Amino acid sequence: MNFDVIALIVLCLIWAAFGVIPWLVVAYRRKGHGTLVLLPLAIVGGVGGAVLVPALGARNLPAVLGSLIAAMAGGLVLILAAPHVARVVRRRGMAS
């Protein structure tokens, strides 16, 4: 397997792990009530937020460090936005 592919897979796993950190804090504060459903959102938000940093043109060490911070921020944004989006969907009758 090509080294670049392995490095990208490892980097995505690290971004996902950094995206889970805010979820751990939220799960601890809520004592686990209703937080398991937010775990996939934290992972997707972490990877999605982190991918934006190199996509915007950052390179080398600042890009890696910035992407780790962006992974935590992306996970946190999706975790905090999910209950509000669900409430709006229920109010407008969009839920099936």
PDB file of N, CA and C in Angstrom:
ATOM      1  N   MET A   1       0.840  -1.175   0.000  1.00  0.00           N
ATOM      2  CA  MET A   1       0.000   0.000   0.000  1.00  0.00           C
ATOM      3  C   MET A   1       0.894   1.251   0.000  1.00  0.00           C
ATOM      4  N   ASN A   2       0.448   2.259  -0.676  1.00  0.00           N
ATOM      5  CA  ASN A   2       1.213   3.481  -0.805  1.00  0.00           C
ATOM      6  C   ASN A   2       1.314   4.203   0.550  1.00  0.00           C
ATOM      7  N   PHE A   3       2.461   4.797   0.831  1.00  0.00           N
ATOM      8  CA  PHE A   3       2.675   5.484   2.101  1.00  0.00           C
ATOM      9  C   PHE A   3       1.713   6.660   2.283  1.00  0.00           C
ATOM     10  N   ASP A   4       1.410   7.362   1.203  1.00  0.00           N
ATOM     11  CA  ASP A   4       0.498   8.507   1.297  1.00  0.00           C
ATOM     12  C   ASP A   4      -0.896   8.075   1.737  1.00  0.00           C
ATOM     13  N   VAL A   5      -1.343   6.946   1.244  1.00  0.00           N
ATOM     14  CA  VAL A   5      -2.668   6.438   1.626  1.00  0.00           C
ATOM     15  C   VAL A   5      -2.680   6.059   3.102  1.00  0.00           C
ATOM     16  N   ILE A   6      -1.640   5.399   3.556  1.00  0.00           N
ATOM     17  CA  ILE A   6      -1.549   5.009   4.968  1.00  0.00           C
ATOM     18  C   ILE A   6      -1.496   6.256   5.840  1.00  0.00           C
ATOM     19  N   ALA A   7      -0.730   7.251   5.450  1.00  0.00           N
ATOM     20  CA  ALA A   7      -0.629   8.487   6.223  1.00  0.00           C
ATOM     21  C   ALA A   7      -1.967   9.212   6.280  1.00  0.00           C
ATOM     22  N   LEU A   8      -2.708   9.221   5.190  1.00  0.00           N
ATOM     23  CA  LEU A   8      -4.022   9.869   5.170  1.00  0.00           C
ATOM     24  C   LEU A   8      -5.018   9.133   6.066  1.00  0.00           C
ATOM     25  N   ILE A   9      -4.973   7.814   6.052  1.00  0.00           N
ATOM     26  CA  ILE A   9      -5.855   7.030   6.925  1.00  0.00           C
ATOM     27  C   ILE A   9      -5.537   7.296   8.395  1.00  0.00           C
ATOM     28  N   VAL A  10      -4.261   7.320   8.728  1.00  0.00           N
ATOM     29  CA  VAL A  10      -3.859   7.596  10.117  1.00  0.00           C
ATOM     30  C   VAL A  10      -4.271   9.003  10.514  1.00  0.00           C
ATOM     31  N   LEU A  11      -4.100   9.959   9.620  1.00  0.00           N
ATOM     32  CA  LEU A  11      -4.481  11.336   9.914  1.00  0.00           C
ATOM     33  C   LEU A  11      -5.995  11.458  10.115  1.00  0.00           C
ATOM     34  N   CYS A  12      -6.780  10.761   9.310  1.00  0.00           N
ATOM     35  CA  CYS A  12      -8.241  10.782   9.486  1.00  0.00           C
ATOM     36  C   CYS A  12      -8.647  10.160  10.821  1.00  0.00           C
ATOM     37  N   LEU A  13      -7.953   9.102  11.228  1.00  0.00           N
ATOM     38  CA  LEU A  13      -8.243   8.498  12.531  1.00  0.00           C
ATOM     39  C   LEU A  13      -7.893   9.451  13.676  1.00  0.00           C
ATOM     40  N   ILE A  14      -6.790  10.173  13.532  1.00  0.00           N
ATOM     41  CA  ILE A  14      -6.417  11.158  14.555  1.00  0.00           C
ATOM     42  C   ILE A  14      -7.443  12.286  14.596  1.00  0.00           C
ATOM     43  N   TRP A  15      -7.873  12.769  13.434  1.00  0.00           N
ATOM     44  CA  TRP A  15      -8.896  13.821  13.390  1.00  0.00           C
ATOM     45  C   TRP A  15     -10.191  13.336  14.032  1.00  0.00           C
ATOM     46  N   ALA A  16     -10.572  12.097  13.755  1.00  0.00           N
ATOM     47  CA  ALA A  16     -11.795  11.547  14.359  1.00  0.00           C
ATOM     48  C   ALA A  16     -11.648  11.478  15.879  1.00  0.00           C
ATOM     49  N   ALA A  17     -10.476  11.081  16.354  1.00  0.00           N
ATOM     50  CA  ALA A  17     -10.247  11.012  17.801  1.00  0.00           C
ATOM     51  C   ALA A  17     -10.324  12.402  18.427  1.00  0.00           C
ATOM     52  N   PHE A  18      -9.785  13.405  17.760  1.00  0.00           N
ATOM     53  CA  PHE A  18      -9.865  14.768  18.287  1.00  0.00           C
ATOM     54  C   PHE A  18     -11.293  15.303  18.217  1.00  0.00           C
ATOM     55  N   GLY A  19     -12.077  14.831  17.248  1.00  0.00           N
ATOM     56  CA  GLY A  19     -13.488  15.221  17.177  1.00  0.00           C
ATOM     57  C   GLY A  19     -14.310  14.611  18.295  1.00  0.00           C
ATOM     58  N   VAL A  20     -13.864  13.490  18.834  1.00  0.00           N
ATOM     59  CA  VAL A  20     -14.587  12.811  19.912  1.00  0.00           C
ATOM     60  C   VAL A  20     -14.324  13.482  21.272  1.00  0.00           C
ATOM     61  N   ILE A  21     -13.253  14.231  21.411  1.00  0.00           N
ATOM     62  CA  ILE A  21     -12.932  14.864  22.698  1.00  0.00           C
ATOM     63  C   ILE A  21     -14.068  15.760  23.196  1.00  0.00           C
ATOM     64  N   PRO A  22     -14.640  16.648  22.366  1.00  0.00           N
ATOM     65  CA  PRO A  22     -15.775  17.436  22.869  1.00  0.00           C
ATOM     66  C   PRO A  22     -16.970  16.571  23.228  1.00  0.00           C
ATOM     67  N   TRP A  23     -17.166  15.472  22.505  1.00  0.00           N
ATOM     68  CA  TRP A  23     -18.269  14.563  22.825  1.00  0.00           C
ATOM     69  C   TRP A  23     -18.068  13.950  24.202  1.00  0.00           C
ATOM     70  N   LEU A  24     -16.836  13.602  24.542  1.00  0.00           N
ATOM     71  CA  LEU A  24     -16.562  13.052  25.872  1.00  0.00           C
ATOM     72  C   LEU A  24     -16.910  14.053  26.965  1.00  0.00           C
ATOM     73  N   VAL A  25     -16.580  15.313  26.732  1.00  0.00           N
ATOM     74  CA  VAL A  25     -16.899  16.351  27.719  1.00  0.00           C
ATOM     75  C   VAL A  25     -18.406  16.511  27.856  1.00  0.00           C
ATOM     76  N   VAL A  26     -19.116  16.561  26.735  1.00  0.00           N
ATOM     77  CA  VAL A  26     -20.575  16.707  26.775  1.00  0.00           C
ATOM     78  C   VAL A  26     -21.218  15.484  27.417  1.00  0.00           C
ATOM     79  N   ALA A  27     -20.739  14.299  27.089  1.00  0.00           N
ATOM     80  CA  ALA A  27     -21.293  13.083  27.686  1.00  0.00           C
ATOM     81  C   ALA A  27     -21.066  13.050  29.186  1.00  0.00           C
ATOM     82  N   TYR A  28     -19.926  13.512  29.638  1.00  0.00           N
ATOM     83  CA  TYR A  28     -19.646  13.553  31.072  1.00  0.00           C
ATOM     84  C   TYR A  28     -20.554  14.567  31.771  1.00  0.00           C
ATOM     85  N   ARG A  29     -20.717  15.729  31.158  1.00  0.00           N
ATOM     86  CA  ARG A  29     -21.550  16.763  31.785  1.00  0.00           C
ATOM     87  C   ARG A  29     -23.014  16.372  31.826  1.00  0.00           C
ATOM     88  N   ARG A  30     -23.493  15.647  30.805  1.00  0.00           N
ATOM     89  CA  ARG A  30     -24.893  15.214  30.778  1.00  0.00           C
ATOM     90  C   ARG A  30     -25.080  13.859  31.449  1.00  0.00           C
ATOM     91  N   LYS A  31     -24.021  13.322  32.002  1.00  0.00           N
ATOM     92  CA  LYS A  31     -24.027  12.006  32.647  1.00  0.00           C
ATOM     93  C   LYS A  31     -24.500  10.913  31.691  1.00  0.00           C
ATOM     94  N   GLY A  32     -24.192  11.093  30.415  1.00  0.00           N
ATOM     95  CA  GLY A  32     -24.473  10.082  29.410  1.00  0.00           C
ATOM     96  C   GLY A  32     -25.873  10.089  28.847  1.00  0.00           C
ATOM     97  N   HIS A  33     -26.751  10.927  29.363  1.00  0.00           N
ATOM     98  CA  HIS A  33     -28.146  10.928  28.907  1.00  0.00           C
ATOM     99  C   HIS A  33     -28.263  11.522  27.505  1.00  0.00           C
ATOM    100  N   GLY A  34     -28.634  10.685  26.544  1.00  0.00           N
ATOM    101  CA  GLY A  34     -28.886  11.126  25.185  1.00  0.00           C
ATOM    102  C   GLY A  34     -27.657  11.550  24.401  1.00  0.00           C
ATOM    103  N   THR A  35     -26.508  11.085  24.784  1.00  0.00           N
ATOM    104  CA  THR A  35     -25.306  11.530  24.086  1.00  0.00           C
ATOM    105  C   THR A  35     -24.748  10.494  23.101  1.00  0.00           C
ATOM    106  N   LEU A  36     -25.171   9.267  23.201  1.00  0.00           N
ATOM    107  CA  LEU A  36     -24.633   8.248  22.297  1.00  0.00           C
ATOM    108  C   LEU A  36     -24.991   8.543  20.845  1.00  0.00           C
ATOM    109  N   VAL A  37     -26.166   9.109  20.635  1.00  0.00           N
ATOM    110  CA  VAL A  37     -26.588   9.427  19.275  1.00  0.00           C
ATOM    111  C   VAL A  37     -25.737  10.557  18.674  1.00  0.00           C
ATOM    112  N   LEU A  38     -25.071  11.329  19.520  1.00  0.00           N
ATOM    113  CA  LEU A  38     -24.232  12.426  19.040  1.00  0.00           C
ATOM    114  C   LEU A  38     -22.819  11.990  18.663  1.00  0.00           C
ATOM    115  N   LEU A  39     -22.432  10.762  19.007  1.00  0.00           N
ATOM    116  CA  LEU A  39     -21.074  10.296  18.727  1.00  0.00           C
ATOM    117  C   LEU A  39     -20.732  10.307  17.238  1.00  0.00           C
ATOM    118  N   PRO A  40     -21.586   9.785  16.352  1.00  0.00           N
ATOM    119  CA  PRO A  40     -21.234   9.855  14.924  1.00  0.00           C
ATOM    120  C   PRO A  40     -21.115  11.292  14.417  1.00  0.00           C
ATOM    121  N   LEU A  41     -21.929  12.188  14.969  1.00  0.00           N
ATOM    122  CA  LEU A  41     -21.823  13.592  14.564  1.00  0.00           C
ATOM    123  C   LEU A  41     -20.495  14.190  14.989  1.00  0.00           C
ATOM    124  N   ALA A  42     -20.015  13.806  16.155  1.00  0.00           N
ATOM    125  CA  ALA A  42     -18.719  14.306  16.622  1.00  0.00           C
ATOM    126  C   ALA A  42     -17.593  13.820  15.717  1.00  0.00           C
ATOM    127  N   ILE A  43     -17.666  12.577  15.295  1.00  0.00           N
ATOM    128  CA  ILE A  43     -16.627  12.023  14.426  1.00  0.00           C
ATOM    129  C   ILE A  43     -16.649  12.708  13.060  1.00  0.00           C
ATOM    130  N   VAL A  44     -17.833  12.840  12.483  1.00  0.00           N
ATOM    131  CA  VAL A  44     -17.960  13.492  11.177  1.00  0.00           C
ATOM    132  C   VAL A  44     -17.550  14.962  11.266  1.00  0.00           C
ATOM    133  N   GLY A  45     -17.957  15.627  12.339  1.00  0.00           N
ATOM    134  CA  GLY A  45     -17.575  17.024  12.515  1.00  0.00           C
ATOM    135  C   GLY A  45     -16.083  17.192  12.690  1.00  0.00           C
ATOM    136  N   GLY A  46     -15.463  16.257  13.396  1.00  0.00           N
ATOM    137  CA  GLY A  46     -14.022  16.317  13.583  1.00  0.00           C
ATOM    138  C   GLY A  46     -13.265  16.170  12.285  1.00  0.00           C
ATOM    139  N   VAL A  47     -13.616  15.180  11.510  1.00  0.00           N
ATOM    140  CA  VAL A  47     -12.919  14.969  10.233  1.00  0.00           C
ATOM    141  C   VAL A  47     -13.252  16.087   9.251  1.00  0.00           C
ATOM    142  N   GLY A  48     -14.519  16.485   9.224  1.00  0.00           N
ATOM    143  CA  GLY A  48     -14.922  17.552   8.304  1.00  0.00           C
ATOM    144  C   GLY A  48     -14.269  18.882   8.614  1.00  0.00           C
ATOM    145  N   GLY A  49     -14.216  19.222   9.881  1.00  0.00           N
ATOM    146  CA  GLY A  49     -13.572  20.474  10.265  1.00  0.00           C
ATOM    147  C   GLY A  49     -12.082  20.458   9.994  1.00  0.00           C
ATOM    148  N   ALA A  50     -11.463  19.333  10.222  1.00  0.00           N
ATOM    149  CA  ALA A  50     -10.018  19.228  10.028  1.00  0.00           C
ATOM    150  C   ALA A  50      -9.629  19.246   8.552  1.00  0.00           C
ATOM    151  N   VAL A  51     -10.457  18.707   7.708  1.00  0.00           N
ATOM    152  CA  VAL A  51     -10.154  18.687   6.273  1.00  0.00           C
ATOM    153  C   VAL A  51     -10.171  20.095   5.692  1.00  0.00           C
ATOM    154  N   LEU A  52     -10.944  20.984   6.308  1.00  0.00           N
ATOM    155  CA  LEU A  52     -11.025  22.350   5.791  1.00  0.00           C
ATOM    156  C   LEU A  52      -9.699  23.105   5.881  1.00  0.00           C
ATOM    157  N   VAL A  53      -8.899  22.806   6.892  1.00  0.00           N
ATOM    158  CA  VAL A  53      -7.645  23.554   7.080  1.00  0.00           C
ATOM    159  C   VAL A  53      -6.681  23.342   5.899  1.00  0.00           C
ATOM    160  N   PRO A  54      -6.344  22.107   5.540  1.00  0.00           N
ATOM    161  CA  PRO A  54      -5.475  21.949   4.368  1.00  0.00           C
ATOM    162  C   PRO A  54      -6.173  22.356   3.064  1.00  0.00           C
ATOM    163  N   ALA A  55      -7.488  22.215   3.017  1.00  0.00           N
ATOM    164  CA  ALA A  55      -8.207  22.605   1.804  1.00  0.00           C
ATOM    165  C   ALA A  55      -8.160  24.111   1.582  1.00  0.00           C
ATOM    166  N   LEU A  56      -8.035  24.873   2.675  1.00  0.00           N
ATOM    167  CA  LEU A  56      -7.938  26.331   2.552  1.00  0.00           C
ATOM    168  C   LEU A  56      -6.525  26.796   2.230  1.00  0.00           C
ATOM    169  N   GLY A  57      -5.585  25.878   2.179  1.00  0.00           N
ATOM    170  CA  GLY A  57      -4.246  26.221   1.712  1.00  0.00           C
ATOM    171  C   GLY A  57      -3.134  26.160   2.738  1.00  0.00           C
ATOM    172  N   ALA A  58      -3.420  25.810   3.969  1.00  0.00           N
ATOM    173  CA  ALA A  58      -2.359  25.721   4.982  1.00  0.00           C
ATOM    174  C   ALA A  58      -1.495  24.496   4.697  1.00  0.00           C
ATOM    175  N   ARG A  59      -0.218  24.608   4.970  1.00  0.00           N
ATOM    176  CA  ARG A  59       0.721  23.521   4.700  1.00  0.00           C
ATOM    177  C   ARG A  59       1.643  23.298   5.888  1.00  0.00           C
ATOM    178  N   ASN A  60       2.235  22.119   5.944  1.00  0.00           N
ATOM    179  CA  ASN A  60       3.262  21.735   6.918  1.00  0.00           C
ATOM    180  C   ASN A  60       2.733  21.701   8.352  1.00  0.00           C
ATOM    181  N   LEU A  61       3.594  22.029   9.308  1.00  0.00           N
ATOM    182  CA  LEU A  61       3.246  21.904  10.729  1.00  0.00           C
ATOM    183  C   LEU A  61       2.073  22.788  11.144  1.00  0.00           C
ATOM    184  N   PRO A  62       1.989  24.055  10.711  1.00  0.00           N
ATOM    185  CA  PRO A  62       0.811  24.851  11.094  1.00  0.00           C
ATOM    186  C   PRO A  62      -0.502  24.234  10.613  1.00  0.00           C
ATOM    187  N   ALA A  63      -0.469  23.575   9.473  1.00  0.00           N
ATOM    188  CA  ALA A  63      -1.682  22.934   8.968  1.00  0.00           C
ATOM    189  C   ALA A  63      -2.088  21.764   9.848  1.00  0.00           C
ATOM    190  N   VAL A  64      -1.120  20.991  10.303  1.00  0.00           N
ATOM    191  CA  VAL A  64      -1.437  19.839  11.156  1.00  0.00           C
ATOM    192  C   VAL A  64      -1.994  20.309  12.491  1.00  0.00           C
ATOM    193  N   LEU A  65      -1.328  21.281  13.109  1.00  0.00           N
ATOM    194  CA  LEU A  65      -1.805  21.786  14.394  1.00  0.00           C
ATOM    195  C   LEU A  65      -3.154  22.481  14.251  1.00  0.00           C
ATOM    196  N   GLY A  66      -3.314  23.248  13.204  1.00  0.00           N
ATOM    197  CA  GLY A  66      -4.601  23.904  12.953  1.00  0.00           C
ATOM    198  C   GLY A  66      -5.712  22.920  12.678  1.00  0.00           C
ATOM    199  N   SER A  67      -5.383  21.834  11.993  1.00  0.00           N
ATOM    200  CA  SER A  67      -6.417  20.841  11.700  1.00  0.00           C
ATOM    201  C   SER A  67      -6.845  20.088  12.955  1.00  0.00           C
ATOM    202  N   LEU A  68      -5.934  19.911  13.911  1.00  0.00           N
ATOM    203  CA  LEU A  68      -6.315  19.261  15.174  1.00  0.00           C
ATOM    204  C   LEU A  68      -7.255  20.155  15.974  1.00  0.00           C
ATOM    205  N   ILE A  69      -6.973  21.439  15.987  1.00  0.00           N
ATOM    206  CA  ILE A  69      -7.876  22.373  16.667  1.00  0.00           C
ATOM    207  C   ILE A  69      -9.210  22.444  15.937  1.00  0.00           C
ATOM    208  N   ALA A  70      -9.163  22.465  14.614  1.00  0.00           N
ATOM    209  CA  ALA A  70     -10.397  22.504  13.828  1.00  0.00           C
ATOM    210  C   ALA A  70     -11.203  21.225  13.995  1.00  0.00           C
ATOM    211  N   ALA A  71     -10.542  20.094  14.226  1.00  0.00           N
ATOM    212  CA  ALA A  71     -11.263  18.839  14.449  1.00  0.00           C
ATOM    213  C   ALA A  71     -12.077  18.924  15.736  1.00  0.00           C
ATOM    214  N   MET A  72     -11.488  19.469  16.791  1.00  0.00           N
ATOM    215  CA  MET A  72     -12.238  19.622  18.038  1.00  0.00           C
ATOM    216  C   MET A  72     -13.367  20.628  17.871  1.00  0.00           C
ATOM    217  N   ALA A  73     -13.105  21.706  17.167  1.00  0.00           N
ATOM    218  CA  ALA A  73     -14.136  22.723  16.953  1.00  0.00           C
ATOM    219  C   ALA A  73     -15.278  22.177  16.090  1.00  0.00           C
ATOM    220  N   GLY A  74     -14.937  21.433  15.051  1.00  0.00           N
ATOM    221  CA  GLY A  74     -15.972  20.854  14.193  1.00  0.00           C
ATOM    222  C   GLY A  74     -16.843  19.856  14.923  1.00  0.00           C
ATOM    223  N   GLY A  75     -16.217  19.014  15.741  1.00  0.00           N
ATOM    224  CA  GLY A  75     -17.003  18.072  16.541  1.00  0.00           C
ATOM    225  C   GLY A  75     -17.916  18.791  17.513  1.00  0.00           C
ATOM    226  N   LEU A  76     -17.416  19.843  18.147  1.00  0.00           N
ATOM    227  CA  LEU A  76     -18.208  20.597  19.105  1.00  0.00           C
ATOM    228  C   LEU A  76     -19.370  21.310  18.433  1.00  0.00           C
ATOM    229  N   VAL A  77     -19.124  21.884  17.271  1.00  0.00           N
ATOM    230  CA  VAL A  77     -20.193  22.604  16.559  1.00  0.00           C
ATOM    231  C   VAL A  77     -21.336  21.662  16.203  1.00  0.00           C
ATOM    232  N   LEU A  78     -21.024  20.497  15.675  1.00  0.00           N
ATOM    233  CA  LEU A  78     -22.094  19.569  15.303  1.00  0.00           C
ATOM    234  C   LEU A  78     -22.821  19.012  16.526  1.00  0.00           C
ATOM    235  N   ILE A  79     -22.097  18.776  17.600  1.00  0.00           N
ATOM    236  CA  ILE A  79     -22.738  18.277  18.817  1.00  0.00           C
ATOM    237  C   ILE A  79     -23.706  19.310  19.381  1.00  0.00           C
ATOM    238  N   LEU A  80     -23.289  20.565  19.407  1.00  0.00           N
ATOM    239  CA  LEU A  80     -24.135  21.608  19.970  1.00  0.00           C
ATOM    240  C   LEU A  80     -25.278  21.990  19.040  1.00  0.00           C
ATOM    241  N   ALA A  81     -25.096  21.841  17.743  1.00  0.00           N
ATOM    242  CA  ALA A  81     -26.143  22.214  16.792  1.00  0.00           C
ATOM    243  C   ALA A  81     -27.214  21.141  16.639  1.00  0.00           C
ATOM    244  N   ALA A  82     -26.897  19.902  16.894  1.00  0.00           N
ATOM    245  CA  ALA A  82     -27.831  18.804  16.643  1.00  0.00           C
ATOM    246  C   ALA A  82     -29.152  18.933  17.402  1.00  0.00           C
ATOM    247  N   PRO A  83     -29.168  19.206  18.704  1.00  0.00           N
ATOM    248  CA  PRO A  83     -30.461  19.323  19.392  1.00  0.00           C
ATOM    249  C   PRO A  83     -31.311  20.480  18.867  1.00  0.00           C
ATOM    250  N   HIS A  84     -30.680  21.575  18.483  1.00  0.00           N
ATOM    251  CA  HIS A  84     -31.430  22.717  17.967  1.00  0.00           C
ATOM    252  C   HIS A  84     -32.040  22.411  16.606  1.00  0.00           C
ATOM    253  N   VAL A  85     -31.289  21.730  15.767  1.00  0.00           N
ATOM    254  CA  VAL A  85     -31.810  21.346  14.454  1.00  0.00           C
ATOM    255  C   VAL A  85     -32.967  20.366  14.613  1.00  0.00           C
ATOM    256  N   ALA A  86     -32.835  19.419  15.533  1.00  0.00           N
ATOM    257  CA  ALA A  86     -33.918  18.454  15.769  1.00  0.00           C
ATOM    258  C   ALA A  86     -35.174  19.157  16.253  1.00  0.00           C
ATOM    259  N   ARG A  87     -35.018  20.161  17.100  1.00  0.00           N
ATOM    260  CA  ARG A  87     -36.169  20.910  17.609  1.00  0.00           C
ATOM    261  C   ARG A  87     -36.867  21.659  16.481  1.00  0.00           C
ATOM    262  N   VAL A  88     -36.120  22.276  15.600  1.00  0.00           N
ATOM    263  CA  VAL A  88     -36.702  23.010  14.476  1.00  0.00           C
ATOM    264  C   VAL A  88     -37.419  22.058  13.536  1.00  0.00           C
ATOM    265  N   VAL A  89     -36.834  20.914  13.285  1.00  0.00           N
ATOM    266  CA  VAL A  89     -37.462  19.935  12.388  1.00  0.00           C
ATOM    267  C   VAL A  89     -38.776  19.446  12.985  1.00  0.00           C
ATOM    268  N   ARG A  90     -38.807  19.188  14.282  1.00  0.00           N
ATOM    269  CA  ARG A  90     -40.043  18.732  14.924  1.00  0.00           C
ATOM    270  C   ARG A  90     -41.115  19.813  14.897  1.00  0.00           C
ATOM    271  N   ARG A  91     -40.737  21.070  15.118  1.00  0.00           N
ATOM    272  CA  ARG A  91     -41.712  22.153  15.134  1.00  0.00           C
ATOM    273  C   ARG A  91     -42.351  22.359  13.763  1.00  0.00           C
ATOM    274  N   ARG A  92     -41.571  22.235  12.738  1.00  0.00           N
ATOM    275  CA  ARG A  92     -42.081  22.485  11.390  1.00  0.00           C
ATOM    276  C   ARG A  92     -42.745  21.264  10.787  1.00  0.00           C
ATOM    277  N   GLY A  93     -42.741  20.163  11.479  1.00  0.00           N
ATOM    278  CA  GLY A  93     -43.407  18.972  10.982  1.00  0.00           C
ATOM    279  C   GLY A  93     -42.659  18.279   9.869  1.00  0.00           C
ATOM    280  N   MET A  94     -41.330  18.483   9.808  1.00  0.00           N
ATOM    281  CA  MET A  94     -40.550  17.868   8.743  1.00  0.00           C
ATOM    282  C   MET A  94     -40.151  16.442   9.081  1.00  0.00           C
ATOM    283  N   ALA A  95     -40.271  16.067  10.336  1.00  0.00           N
ATOM    284  CA  ALA A  95     -39.857  14.720  10.730  1.00  0.00           C
ATOM    285  C   ALA A  95     -40.890  13.726  10.248  1.00  0.00           C
ATOM    286  N   SER A  96     -40.412  12.580   9.831  1.00  0.00           N
ATOM    287  CA  SER A  96     -41.341  11.551   9.346  1.00  0.00           C
ATOM    288  C   SER A  96     -41.829  10.669  10.460  1.00  0.00           C
TER     289      SER A  96
END
